[in-house]
Amino acid sequence: MYRVILVDDEHIILDGLTRAVPWAQMNCCVAGTAGNGAEGLRLVRALKPDILLTDIRMPNMDGLSMIAALRSEFPRLQIAVLTAFRDFEYAQTALNLGVCRYLLKPSKLDELYEAIRTMTSRLDALPPLPEGAEPDEDPAAAGSVAGNYIVRQALDYMQAHCAEHLSLGDVADHVYVSQWHLSKLINKHVNQSFFDILGRMRMERAKTLLADSGLRIHAIAEQVGYSDVAHFSKSFKRIVGMTPGEYREAENR
């Protein structure tokens, strides 16, 4: 039987879905329920279900990023959204990320049954995983769109926070994936490491400050995320090809 996880911050909805749907007749069983997105993510990673039925607008959770994270990490996971949020572009993005159905509350039972049958049919049609392959390496499942979405979200966050003491873990937490998975996605989609990208972002800011301000180099180093001016200067020369002082002199000629 296919294992199902239900996620919704309204307990009456969770109870109704658990009781009203004839899961066994659809070759399914409810493996767990969660009352918020973070708990839902933990359940999916712990139980590795086949189907997820979830709301997409819950407190303290970016629903699209959550969907992208799960589709990237578990591309065989079938996801249907059940929500009161009526926005065409939002729904379109969710579908582009691999959501099977975007159902609006209150949803008719026949629409819900159709969504479940579609997801089980898709699961029936999937070939078995190759010997030793991980789910996110499965060539039969498309997680590249979701992966690209996660990388774009991660890069935007890095750009906004690159001057802070930012770690790979900070960014991974923001996009709801593990550090290992985010590192792998960045290497795949950008062909650079997290630290190379972060360093280049910081140096672009440093170049602007060196050209347009009278700040001392140690102050600029601090403003772009370096506590050690020697480390900043060494990194600047490696990336830009000259020292901060040489760059400032060249820009002010």
C-alpha atoms as a PDB file:
ATOM      1  CA  MET A   1       0.000   0.000   0.000  1.00  0.00           C
ATOM      2  CA  TYR A   2       1.127   3.540  -0.716  1.00  0.00           C
ATOM      3  CA  ARG A   3       1.931   5.564   2.386  1.00  0.00           C
ATOM      4  CA  VAL A   4       0.285   8.987   2.711  1.00  0.00           C
ATOM      5  CA  ILE A   5       1.116  12.000   4.883  1.00  0.00           C
ATOM      6  CA  LEU A   6      -1.467  14.734   5.499  1.00  0.00           C
ATOM      7  CA  VAL A   7      -0.389  18.277   6.429  1.00  0.00           C
ATOM      8  CA  ASP A   8      -2.767  21.082   7.417  1.00  0.00           C
ATOM      9  CA  ASP A   9      -2.868  23.615  10.230  1.00  0.00           C
ATOM     10  CA  GLU A  10      -6.620  23.032  10.647  1.00  0.00           C
ATOM     11  CA  HIS A  11      -7.098  19.895  12.742  1.00  0.00           C
ATOM     12  CA  ILE A  12     -10.693  19.514  11.573  1.00  0.00           C
ATOM     13  CA  ILE A  13      -9.382  19.167   8.012  1.00  0.00           C
ATOM     14  CA  LEU A  14      -6.828  16.539   9.042  1.00  0.00           C
ATOM     15  CA  ASP A  15      -9.471  14.580  10.909  1.00  0.00           C
ATOM     16  CA  GLY A  16     -11.910  14.840   8.002  1.00  0.00           C
ATOM     17  CA  LEU A  17      -9.354  13.664   5.440  1.00  0.00           C
ATOM     18  CA  THR A  18      -8.303  10.763   7.640  1.00  0.00           C
ATOM     19  CA  ARG A  19     -11.879   9.579   8.179  1.00  0.00           C
ATOM     20  CA  ALA A  20     -13.723  10.524   4.977  1.00  0.00           C
ATOM     21  CA  VAL A  21     -11.396   9.092   2.353  1.00  0.00           C
ATOM     22  CA  PRO A  22     -11.580   5.316   1.772  1.00  0.00           C
ATOM     23  CA  TRP A  23      -7.795   5.031   1.763  1.00  0.00           C
ATOM     24  CA  ALA A  24      -7.613   1.226   1.795  1.00  0.00           C
ATOM     25  CA  GLN A  25      -9.838   0.996  -1.274  1.00  0.00           C
ATOM     26  CA  MET A  26      -7.322   3.215  -3.075  1.00  0.00           C
ATOM     27  CA  ASN A  27      -4.385   1.029  -2.014  1.00  0.00           C
ATOM     28  CA  CYS A  28      -3.241   3.686   0.456  1.00  0.00           C
ATOM     29  CA  CYS A  29      -2.828   4.158   4.173  1.00  0.00           C
ATOM     30  CA  VAL A  30      -2.300   7.317   6.230  1.00  0.00           C
ATOM     31  CA  ALA A  31       1.201   7.011   7.675  1.00  0.00           C
ATOM     32  CA  GLY A  32       1.121  10.298   9.577  1.00  0.00           C
ATOM     33  CA  THR A  33      -0.378  13.759   9.951  1.00  0.00           C
ATOM     34  CA  ALA A  34       1.184  17.126  10.745  1.00  0.00           C
ATOM     35  CA  GLY A  35      -0.274  20.441  11.851  1.00  0.00           C
ATOM     36  CA  ASN A  36       2.341  22.702  10.250  1.00  0.00           C
ATOM     37  CA  GLY A  37       4.837  22.742   7.407  1.00  0.00           C
ATOM     38  CA  ALA A  38       7.959  22.254   9.506  1.00  0.00           C
ATOM     39  CA  GLU A  39       6.484  19.176  11.186  1.00  0.00           C
ATOM     40  CA  GLY A  40       5.364  17.936   7.762  1.00  0.00           C
ATOM     41  CA  LEU A  41       8.892  18.233   6.408  1.00  0.00           C
ATOM     42  CA  ARG A  42      10.255  16.237   9.339  1.00  0.00           C
ATOM     43  CA  LEU A  43       7.630  13.534   8.821  1.00  0.00           C
ATOM     44  CA  VAL A  44       8.356  13.211   5.098  1.00  0.00           C
ATOM     45  CA  ARG A  45      12.079  12.887   5.727  1.00  0.00           C
ATOM     46  CA  ALA A  46      11.534  10.383   8.525  1.00  0.00           C
ATOM     47  CA  LEU A  47       8.843   8.225   6.924  1.00  0.00           C
ATOM     48  CA  LYS A  48       9.607   8.706   3.191  1.00  0.00           C
ATOM     49  CA  PRO A  49       5.956   8.414   2.089  1.00  0.00           C
ATOM     50  CA  ASP A  50       4.706   7.970  -1.456  1.00  0.00           C
ATOM     51  CA  ILE A  51       2.012  10.663  -1.351  1.00  0.00           C
ATOM     52  CA  LEU A  52       1.736  14.039   0.366  1.00  0.00           C
ATOM     53  CA  LEU A  53      -1.546  15.941   0.632  1.00  0.00           C
ATOM     54  CA  THR A  54      -0.817  19.391   2.045  1.00  0.00           C
ATOM     55  CA  ASP A  55      -1.985  22.935   2.504  1.00  0.00           C
ATOM     56  CA  ILE A  56       0.439  25.417   0.994  1.00  0.00           C
ATOM     57  CA  ARG A  57      -0.262  28.525   3.091  1.00  0.00           C
ATOM     58  CA  MET A  58       0.660  27.858   6.701  1.00  0.00           C
ATOM     59  CA  PRO A  59       2.228  30.039   9.421  1.00  0.00           C
ATOM     60  CA  ASN A  60       6.034  30.435   9.312  1.00  0.00           C
ATOM     61  CA  MET A  61       6.377  28.455   6.093  1.00  0.00           C
ATOM     62  CA  ASP A  62       6.984  29.413   2.464  1.00  0.00           C
ATOM     63  CA  GLY A  63       4.777  26.818   0.811  1.00  0.00           C
ATOM     64  CA  LEU A  64       6.378  26.973  -2.624  1.00  0.00           C
ATOM     65  CA  SER A  65       9.870  26.573  -1.185  1.00  0.00           C
ATOM     66  CA  MET A  66       8.649  23.627   0.881  1.00  0.00           C
ATOM     67  CA  ILE A  67       7.177  21.985  -2.231  1.00  0.00           C
ATOM     68  CA  ALA A  68      10.361  22.650  -4.212  1.00  0.00           C
ATOM     69  CA  ALA A  69      12.513  21.207  -1.431  1.00  0.00           C
ATOM     70  CA  LEU A  70      10.485  18.008  -1.253  1.00  0.00           C
ATOM     71  CA  ARG A  71      10.244  17.582  -5.026  1.00  0.00           C
ATOM     72  CA  SER A  72      13.993  18.059  -5.330  1.00  0.00           C
ATOM     73  CA  GLU A  73      14.861  15.742  -2.467  1.00  0.00           C
ATOM     74  CA  PHE A  74      12.170  13.135  -3.189  1.00  0.00           C
ATOM     75  CA  PRO A  75      11.282  13.427  -6.901  1.00  0.00           C
ATOM     76  CA  ARG A  76       9.118  10.278  -6.765  1.00  0.00           C
ATOM     77  CA  LEU A  77       6.935  11.795  -4.043  1.00  0.00           C
ATOM     78  CA  GLN A  78       3.465  12.598  -5.388  1.00  0.00           C
ATOM     79  CA  ILE A  79       2.090  15.873  -4.008  1.00  0.00           C
ATOM     80  CA  ALA A  80      -1.411  17.342  -4.092  1.00  0.00           C
ATOM     81  CA  VAL A  81      -2.213  20.743  -2.613  1.00  0.00           C
ATOM     82  CA  LEU A  82      -5.484  21.399  -0.779  1.00  0.00           C
ATOM     83  CA  THR A  83      -5.756  25.092   0.074  1.00  0.00           C
ATOM     84  CA  ALA A  84      -8.048  28.095   0.348  1.00  0.00           C
ATOM     85  CA  PHE A  85      -5.433  30.309  -1.333  1.00  0.00           C
ATOM     86  CA  ARG A  86      -6.768  31.370  -4.720  1.00  0.00           C
ATOM     87  CA  ASP A  87      -3.972  32.856  -6.806  1.00  0.00           C
ATOM     88  CA  PHE A  88      -3.412  31.760 -10.387  1.00  0.00           C
ATOM     89  CA  GLU A  89       0.326  32.519 -10.567  1.00  0.00           C
ATOM     90  CA  TYR A  90       0.962  30.814  -7.234  1.00  0.00           C
ATOM     91  CA  ALA A  91      -0.971  27.747  -8.366  1.00  0.00           C
ATOM     92  CA  GLN A  92       0.854  27.734 -11.711  1.00  0.00           C
ATOM     93  CA  THR A  93       4.238  27.836  -9.980  1.00  0.00           C
ATOM     94  CA  ALA A  94       3.193  24.958  -7.715  1.00  0.00           C
ATOM     95  CA  LEU A  95       2.163  22.892 -10.741  1.00  0.00           C
ATOM     96  CA  ASN A  96       5.416  23.744 -12.536  1.00  0.00           C
ATOM     97  CA  LEU A  97       7.291  22.475  -9.485  1.00  0.00           C
ATOM     98  CA  GLY A  98       5.642  19.094  -9.925  1.00  0.00           C
ATOM     99  CA  VAL A  99       2.466  19.270  -7.830  1.00  0.00           C
ATOM    100  CA  CYS A 100      -0.038  16.778  -9.223  1.00  0.00           C
ATOM    101  CA  ARG A 101      -3.204  18.704  -8.307  1.00  0.00           C
ATOM    102  CA  TYR A 102      -3.963  22.146  -6.844  1.00  0.00           C
ATOM    103  CA  LEU A 103      -7.352  21.758  -5.131  1.00  0.00           C
ATOM    104  CA  LEU A 104      -9.263  24.644  -3.571  1.00  0.00           C
ATOM    105  CA  LYS A 105     -11.066  24.367  -0.242  1.00  0.00           C
ATOM    106  CA  PRO A 106     -13.786  23.372   0.166  1.00  0.00           C
ATOM    107  CA  SER A 107     -12.940  20.654  -2.319  1.00  0.00           C
ATOM    108  CA  LYS A 108     -15.490  18.147  -3.568  1.00  0.00           C
ATOM    109  CA  LEU A 109     -14.795  14.557  -2.605  1.00  0.00           C
ATOM    110  CA  ASP A 110     -14.804  13.401  -6.225  1.00  0.00           C
ATOM    111  CA  GLU A 111     -12.049  15.921  -7.025  1.00  0.00           C
ATOM    112  CA  LEU A 112     -10.024  14.636  -4.089  1.00  0.00           C
ATOM    113  CA  TYR A 113     -10.562  11.002  -5.091  1.00  0.00           C
ATOM    114  CA  GLU A 114      -9.504  11.811  -8.669  1.00  0.00           C
ATOM    115  CA  ALA A 115      -6.309  13.437  -7.385  1.00  0.00           C
ATOM    116  CA  ILE A 116      -5.475  10.403  -5.237  1.00  0.00           C
ATOM    117  CA  ARG A 117      -6.164   7.981  -8.093  1.00  0.00           C
ATOM    118  CA  THR A 118      -3.954  10.053 -10.416  1.00  0.00           C
ATOM    119  CA  MET A 119      -1.112   9.980  -7.900  1.00  0.00           C
ATOM    120  CA  THR A 120      -1.371   6.236  -7.318  1.00  0.00           C
ATOM    121  CA  SER A 121      -1.480   5.664 -11.093  1.00  0.00           C
ATOM    122  CA  ARG A 122       1.710   7.693 -11.491  1.00  0.00           C
ATOM    123  CA  LEU A 123       3.350   5.662  -8.763  1.00  0.00           C
ATOM    124  CA  ASP A 124       2.225   2.423 -10.403  1.00  0.00           C
ATOM    125  CA  ALA A 125       3.858   3.565 -13.655  1.00  0.00           C
ATOM    126  CA  LEU A 126       7.245   4.412 -12.132  1.00  0.00           C
ATOM    127  CA  PRO A 127       9.990   1.882 -12.839  1.00  0.00           C
ATOM    128  CA  PRO A 128      11.821   0.485  -9.823  1.00  0.00           C
ATOM    129  CA  LEU A 129      14.855   2.392  -8.632  1.00  0.00           C
ATOM    130  CA  PRO A 130      18.151   1.133 -10.089  1.00  0.00           C
ATOM    131  CA  GLU A 131      20.177  -0.994  -7.665  1.00  0.00           C
ATOM    132  CA  GLY A 132      21.752   1.294  -5.046  1.00  0.00           C
ATOM    133  CA  ALA A 133      20.326   4.529  -6.439  1.00  0.00           C
ATOM    134  CA  GLU A 134      19.054   7.219  -4.103  1.00  0.00           C
ATOM    135  CA  PRO A 135      15.539   8.634  -4.716  1.00  0.00           C
ATOM    136  CA  ASP A 136      16.896  12.062  -5.711  1.00  0.00           C
ATOM    137  CA  GLU A 137      19.155  10.436  -8.309  1.00  0.00           C
ATOM    138  CA  ASP A 138      16.286   8.642 -10.002  1.00  0.00           C
ATOM    139  CA  PRO A 139      16.426   9.423 -13.749  1.00  0.00           C
ATOM    140  CA  ALA A 140      12.754   8.449 -14.140  1.00  0.00           C
ATOM    141  CA  ALA A 141      11.642  11.312 -11.885  1.00  0.00           C
ATOM    142  CA  ALA A 142      11.976  14.992 -12.798  1.00  0.00           C
ATOM    143  CA  GLY A 143      13.281  17.107  -9.934  1.00  0.00           C
ATOM    144  CA  SER A 144      15.349  19.559 -11.993  1.00  0.00           C
ATOM    145  CA  VAL A 145      12.709  22.319 -12.091  1.00  0.00           C
ATOM    146  CA  ALA A 146      12.355  22.150  -8.323  1.00  0.00           C
ATOM    147  CA  GLY A 147      16.130  22.077  -7.922  1.00  0.00           C
ATOM    148  CA  ASN A 148      16.522  25.156 -10.081  1.00  0.00           C
ATOM    149  CA  TYR A 149      13.837  26.934  -8.038  1.00  0.00           C
ATOM    150  CA  ILE A 150      15.676  26.130  -4.805  1.00  0.00           C
ATOM    151  CA  VAL A 151      18.981  27.392  -6.192  1.00  0.00           C
ATOM    152  CA  ARG A 152      17.394  30.674  -7.305  1.00  0.00           C
ATOM    153  CA  GLN A 153      15.853  31.124  -3.853  1.00  0.00           C
ATOM    154  CA  ALA A 154      19.191  30.323  -2.233  1.00  0.00           C
ATOM    155  CA  LEU A 155      21.119  32.773  -4.442  1.00  0.00           C
ATOM    156  CA  ASP A 156      18.612  35.546  -3.735  1.00  0.00           C
ATOM    157  CA  TYR A 157      18.987  34.931  -0.015  1.00  0.00           C
ATOM    158  CA  MET A 158      22.770  34.863  -0.276  1.00  0.00           C
ATOM    159  CA  GLN A 159      22.772  38.147  -2.207  1.00  0.00           C
ATOM    160  CA  ALA A 160      20.632  39.815   0.442  1.00  0.00           C
ATOM    161  CA  HIS A 161      22.701  38.472   3.369  1.00  0.00           C
ATOM    162  CA  CYS A 162      26.200  38.004   1.936  1.00  0.00           C
ATOM    163  CA  ALA A 163      27.671  40.749   4.106  1.00  0.00           C
ATOM    164  CA  GLU A 164      26.655  38.803   7.226  1.00  0.00           C
ATOM    165  CA  HIS A 165      28.449  35.824   8.738  1.00  0.00           C
ATOM    166  CA  LEU A 166      26.530  33.493   6.462  1.00  0.00           C
ATOM    167  CA  SER A 167      26.946  29.734   6.453  1.00  0.00           C
ATOM    168  CA  LEU A 168      25.755  27.032   4.089  1.00  0.00           C
ATOM    169  CA  GLY A 169      23.519  25.824   6.914  1.00  0.00           C
ATOM    170  CA  ASP A 170      21.827  29.229   7.199  1.00  0.00           C
ATOM    171  CA  VAL A 171      20.925  29.200   3.516  1.00  0.00           C
ATOM    172  CA  ALA A 172      19.868  25.533   3.566  1.00  0.00           C
ATOM    173  CA  ASP A 173      17.506  26.246   6.465  1.00  0.00           C
ATOM    174  CA  HIS A 174      15.969  29.114   4.478  1.00  0.00           C
ATOM    175  CA  VAL A 175      15.133  26.856   1.509  1.00  0.00           C
ATOM    176  CA  TYR A 176      14.181  23.807   3.648  1.00  0.00           C
ATOM    177  CA  VAL A 177      16.846  21.370   2.436  1.00  0.00           C
ATOM    178  CA  SER A 178      19.890  19.791   4.025  1.00  0.00           C
ATOM    179  CA  GLN A 179      23.331  21.379   3.665  1.00  0.00           C
ATOM    180  CA  TRP A 180      24.488  18.374   1.669  1.00  0.00           C
ATOM    181  CA  HIS A 181      21.549  18.590  -0.727  1.00  0.00           C
ATOM    182  CA  LEU A 182      21.893  22.355  -1.241  1.00  0.00           C
ATOM    183  CA  SER A 183      25.621  22.039  -1.905  1.00  0.00           C
ATOM    184  CA  LYS A 184      24.904  19.359  -4.485  1.00  0.00           C
ATOM    185  CA  LEU A 185      22.208  21.468  -6.174  1.00  0.00           C
ATOM    186  CA  ILE A 186      24.411  24.569  -6.341  1.00  0.00           C
ATOM    187  CA  ASN A 187      27.251  22.599  -7.891  1.00  0.00           C
ATOM    188  CA  LYS A 188      24.859  21.063 -10.408  1.00  0.00           C
ATOM    189  CA  HIS A 189      22.994  24.219 -11.463  1.00  0.00           C
ATOM    190  CA  VAL A 190      25.709  26.885 -11.075  1.00  0.00           C
ATOM    191  CA  ASN A 191      28.860  24.769 -11.373  1.00  0.00           C
ATOM    192  CA  GLN A 192      30.428  26.635  -8.463  1.00  0.00           C
ATOM    193  CA  SER A 193      30.728  25.949  -4.772  1.00  0.00           C
ATOM    194  CA  PHE A 194      28.762  27.814  -2.120  1.00  0.00           C
ATOM    195  CA  PHE A 195      31.918  29.485  -0.845  1.00  0.00           C
ATOM    196  CA  ASP A 196      33.035  30.593  -4.319  1.00  0.00           C
ATOM    197  CA  ILE A 197      29.656  32.197  -4.969  1.00  0.00           C
ATOM    198  CA  LEU A 198      29.575  33.857  -1.550  1.00  0.00           C
ATOM    199  CA  GLY A 199      33.109  35.161  -2.020  1.00  0.00           C
ATOM    200  CA  ARG A 200      32.294  36.691  -5.409  1.00  0.00           C
ATOM    201  CA  MET A 201      29.154  38.334  -4.057  1.00  0.00           C
ATOM    202  CA  ARG A 202      31.145  39.863  -1.228  1.00  0.00           C
ATOM    203  CA  MET A 203      33.860  41.093  -3.558  1.00  0.00           C
ATOM    204  CA  GLU A 204      31.333  42.806  -5.825  1.00  0.00           C
ATOM    205  CA  ARG A 205      30.123  44.751  -2.798  1.00  0.00           C
ATOM    206  CA  ALA A 206      33.676  45.470  -1.757  1.00  0.00           C
ATOM    207  CA  LYS A 207      34.510  46.808  -5.233  1.00  0.00           C
ATOM    208  CA  THR A 208      31.589  49.233  -5.018  1.00  0.00           C
ATOM    209  CA  LEU A 209      32.670  50.446  -1.586  1.00  0.00           C
ATOM    210  CA  LEU A 210      36.300  50.796  -2.650  1.00  0.00           C
ATOM    211  CA  ALA A 211      35.324  52.885  -5.653  1.00  0.00           C
ATOM    212  CA  ASP A 212      32.563  55.016  -4.143  1.00  0.00           C
ATOM    213  CA  SER A 213      33.465  55.601  -0.491  1.00  0.00           C
ATOM    214  CA  GLY A 214      36.301  56.851   1.626  1.00  0.00           C
ATOM    215  CA  LEU A 215      36.044  53.962   4.052  1.00  0.00           C
ATOM    216  CA  ARG A 216      39.256  52.355   5.201  1.00  0.00           C
ATOM    217  CA  ILE A 217      39.937  48.863   3.912  1.00  0.00           C
ATOM    218  CA  HIS A 218      39.455  47.225   7.313  1.00  0.00           C
ATOM    219  CA  ALA A 219      36.017  48.878   7.593  1.00  0.00           C
ATOM    220  CA  ILE A 220      35.078  47.638   4.124  1.00  0.00           C
ATOM    221  CA  ALA A 221      36.243  44.144   5.076  1.00  0.00           C
ATOM    222  CA  GLU A 222      33.875  44.184   8.055  1.00  0.00           C
ATOM    223  CA  GLN A 223      30.994  45.519   5.959  1.00  0.00           C
ATOM    224  CA  VAL A 224      31.248  42.650   3.490  1.00  0.00           C
ATOM    225  CA  GLY A 225      31.486  39.904   6.114  1.00  0.00           C
ATOM    226  CA  TYR A 226      35.181  39.521   6.979  1.00  0.00           C
ATOM    227  CA  SER A 227      36.429  39.942  10.556  1.00  0.00           C
ATOM    228  CA  ASP A 228      40.050  39.515   9.437  1.00  0.00           C
ATOM    229  CA  VAL A 229      41.344  42.188   7.020  1.00  0.00           C
ATOM    230  CA  ALA A 230      44.252  39.970   5.953  1.00  0.00           C
ATOM    231  CA  HIS A 231      41.834  37.203   4.932  1.00  0.00           C
ATOM    232  CA  PHE A 232      39.729  39.778   3.081  1.00  0.00           C
ATOM    233  CA  SER A 233      42.725  41.164   1.212  1.00  0.00           C
ATOM    234  CA  LYS A 234      43.939  37.698   0.254  1.00  0.00           C
ATOM    235  CA  SER A 235      40.471  36.686  -0.959  1.00  0.00           C
ATOM    236  CA  PHE A 236      40.036  39.946  -2.864  1.00  0.00           C
ATOM    237  CA  LYS A 237      43.311  39.471  -4.728  1.00  0.00           C
ATOM    238  CA  ARG A 238      42.493  35.844  -5.541  1.00  0.00           C
ATOM    239  CA  ILE A 239      39.085  36.740  -6.980  1.00  0.00           C
ATOM    240  CA  VAL A 240      39.681  40.206  -8.487  1.00  0.00           C
ATOM    241  CA  GLY A 241      43.330  39.848  -9.446  1.00  0.00           C
ATOM    242  CA  MET A 242      44.677  42.772  -7.429  1.00  0.00           C
ATOM    243  CA  THR A 243      44.761  43.953  -3.846  1.00  0.00           C
ATOM    244  CA  PRO A 244      41.997  46.198  -2.466  1.00  0.00           C
ATOM    245  CA  GLY A 245      44.423  49.117  -2.404  1.00  0.00           C
ATOM    246  CA  GLU A 246      45.456  48.535  -6.020  1.00  0.00           C
ATOM    247  CA  TYR A 247      41.806  48.307  -7.075  1.00  0.00           C
ATOM    248  CA  ARG A 248      40.945  51.569  -5.308  1.00  0.00           C
ATOM    249  CA  GLU A 249      43.893  53.317  -6.893  1.00  0.00           C
ATOM    250  CA  ALA A 250      42.953  52.063 -10.369  1.00  0.00           C
ATOM    251  CA  GLU A 251      39.311  53.149  -9.948  1.00  0.00           C
ATOM    252  CA  ASN A 252      40.273  56.639  -8.731  1.00  0.00           C
ATOM    253  CA  ARG A 253      42.654  57.470 -11.565  1.00  0.00           C
END
